[in-house]
C-alpha atoms as a PDB file:
ATOM      1  CA  MET A   1       0.004   0.060  -0.054  1.00  0.00           C
ATOM      2  CA  LEU A   2       1.274   3.392  -0.908  1.00  0.00           C
ATOM      3  CA  VAL A   3       1.954   5.976   1.950  1.00  0.00           C
ATOM      4  CA  GLU A   4      -0.706   8.232   0.805  1.00  0.00           C
ATOM      5  CA  GLN A   5      -3.334   5.302   0.472  1.00  0.00           C
ATOM      6  CA  ARG A   6      -2.595   4.581   3.838  1.00  0.00           C
ATOM      7  CA  VAL A   7      -2.601   8.131   5.032  1.00  0.00           C
ATOM      8  CA  TRP A   8      -6.154   7.934   3.684  1.00  0.00           C
ATOM      9  CA  HIS A   9      -6.881   4.744   5.529  1.00  0.00           C
ATOM     10  CA  GLN A  10      -5.928   6.055   8.824  1.00  0.00           C
ATOM     11  CA  ILE A  11      -8.265   8.882   8.216  1.00  0.00           C
ATOM     12  CA  ALA A  12     -11.289   6.805   7.236  1.00  0.00           C
ATOM     13  CA  ASN A  13     -10.608   4.752  10.524  1.00  0.00           C
ATOM     14  CA  GLY A  14     -10.912   8.089  12.382  1.00  0.00           C
ATOM     15  CA  ASP A  15      -7.229   8.792  13.256  1.00  0.00           C
ATOM     16  CA  LYS A  16      -7.501  12.471  14.157  1.00  0.00           C
ATOM     17  CA  ASN A  17      -3.816  12.594  14.733  1.00  0.00           C
ATOM     18  CA  VAL A  18      -3.131  12.043  10.909  1.00  0.00           C
ATOM     19  CA  TYR A  19      -6.341  13.715  10.138  1.00  0.00           C
ATOM     20  CA  ALA A  20      -4.524  16.915  11.812  1.00  0.00           C
ATOM     21  CA  LEU A  21      -0.974  16.516  10.214  1.00  0.00           C
ATOM     22  CA  VAL A  22      -2.839  16.440   6.610  1.00  0.00           C
ATOM     23  CA  TYR A  23      -5.148  19.134   7.312  1.00  0.00           C
ATOM     24  CA  ARG A  24      -2.412  21.432   8.186  1.00  0.00           C
ATOM     25  CA  ASP A  25      -0.153  20.591   5.416  1.00  0.00           C
ATOM     26  CA  LEU A  26      -2.852  20.920   2.627  1.00  0.00           C
ATOM     27  CA  PHE A  27      -4.414  24.059   4.515  1.00  0.00           C
ATOM     28  CA  SER A  28      -1.123  25.988   3.687  1.00  0.00           C
ATOM     29  CA  ARG A  29      -0.878  24.804   0.054  1.00  0.00           C
ATOM     30  CA  PHE A  30      -4.674  25.547  -0.578  1.00  0.00           C
ATOM     31  CA  PHE A  31      -3.898  29.328   1.200  1.00  0.00           C
ATOM     32  CA  ASN A  32      -1.080  29.952  -0.922  1.00  0.00           C
ATOM     33  CA  HIS A  33      -2.865  28.705  -4.333  1.00  0.00           C
ATOM     34  CA  GLY A  34      -5.908  30.647  -3.361  1.00  0.00           C
ATOM     35  CA  ARG A  35      -4.135  34.022  -3.120  1.00  0.00           C
ATOM     36  CA  LYS A  36      -3.383  33.429  -6.722  1.00  0.00           C
ATOM     37  CA  PHE A  37      -7.142  34.141  -7.183  1.00  0.00           C
ATOM     38  CA  THR A  38      -8.164  36.928  -4.670  1.00  0.00           C
ATOM     39  CA  SER A  39      -6.567  38.952  -1.724  1.00  0.00           C
ATOM     40  CA  ASP A  40      -9.656  38.067   0.559  1.00  0.00           C
ATOM     41  CA  THR A  41      -8.028  35.811   2.937  1.00  0.00           C
ATOM     42  CA  LEU A  42     -11.165  35.133   4.737  1.00  0.00           C
ATOM     43  CA  LEU A  43     -12.687  33.596   1.648  1.00  0.00           C
ATOM     44  CA  ILE A  44      -9.543  31.500   1.089  1.00  0.00           C
ATOM     45  CA  GLU A  45      -9.429  30.363   4.664  1.00  0.00           C
ATOM     46  CA  ASP A  46     -13.346  29.493   4.338  1.00  0.00           C
ATOM     47  CA  ALA A  47     -12.719  27.412   0.965  1.00  0.00           C
ATOM     48  CA  ALA A  48      -9.583  25.646   2.382  1.00  0.00           C
ATOM     49  CA  GLN A  49     -12.036  24.723   5.260  1.00  0.00           C
ATOM     50  CA  GLU A  50     -14.891  23.781   3.482  1.00  0.00           C
ATOM     51  CA  ALA A  51     -12.925  21.727   1.123  1.00  0.00           C
ATOM     52  CA  LEU A  52     -10.943  19.826   3.793  1.00  0.00           C
ATOM     53  CA  CYS A  53     -13.831  19.140   6.023  1.00  0.00           C
ATOM     54  CA  TYR A  54     -15.371  17.865   3.243  1.00  0.00           C
ATOM     55  CA  CYS A  55     -12.190  15.673   2.642  1.00  0.00           C
ATOM     56  CA  GLY A  56     -12.758  14.225   6.372  1.00  0.00           C
ATOM     57  CA  LYS A  57     -16.457  13.584   5.935  1.00  0.00           C
ATOM     58  CA  ALA A  58     -15.776  11.846   2.916  1.00  0.00           C
ATOM     59  CA  GLU A  59     -13.128   9.448   3.961  1.00  0.00           C
ATOM     60  CA  ALA A  60     -15.183   8.780   7.345  1.00  0.00           C
ATOM     61  CA  ASN A  61     -18.378   7.961   5.175  1.00  0.00           C
ATOM     62  CA  SER A  62     -15.952   5.768   2.614  1.00  0.00           C
ATOM     63  CA  THR A  63     -17.161   7.721  -0.401  1.00  0.00           C
ATOM     64  CA  GLY A  64     -13.887   6.916  -2.154  1.00  0.00           C
ATOM     65  CA  LEU A  65     -12.546  10.341  -2.177  1.00  0.00           C
ATOM     66  CA  LYS A  66      -8.786   9.174  -2.007  1.00  0.00           C
ATOM     67  CA  THR A  67      -6.549  11.979  -3.150  1.00  0.00           C
ATOM     68  CA  TRP A  68      -5.732  15.159  -2.245  1.00  0.00           C
ATOM     69  CA  LYS A  69      -5.763  16.408  -5.921  1.00  0.00           C
ATOM     70  CA  LEU A  70      -9.616  15.859  -5.908  1.00  0.00           C
ATOM     71  CA  ILE A  71      -9.961  18.316  -2.689  1.00  0.00           C
ATOM     72  CA  PHE A  72      -7.472  20.662  -4.284  1.00  0.00           C
ATOM     73  CA  ILE A  73     -10.039  20.999  -7.344  1.00  0.00           C
ATOM     74  CA  GLN A  74     -13.065  21.426  -5.410  1.00  0.00           C
ATOM     75  CA  PHE A  75     -10.926  24.278  -3.307  1.00  0.00           C
ATOM     76  CA  THR A  76     -10.456  25.896  -6.464  1.00  0.00           C
ATOM     77  CA  ALA A  77     -14.060  25.621  -7.608  1.00  0.00           C
ATOM     78  CA  ILE A  78     -15.280  27.029  -4.164  1.00  0.00           C
ATOM     79  CA  ILE A  79     -13.108  29.939  -4.404  1.00  0.00           C
END
């Protein structure tokens, strides 16, 4: 199993520590990406949080969302 798959598997199994690490890492990436589209930092923060919370819920519900790249696409659509 690839590292990324193991990480998503741990999140799906409710590992809040792994989710927190992934959240912090992706949040900063999303925030920096969002700055390319708008200077509204509150909008960027809200969009990043919404996309990442969706990720956690999708994994918990086993909907098959298995990659941060899909979350990134959703984030870009939100902003």
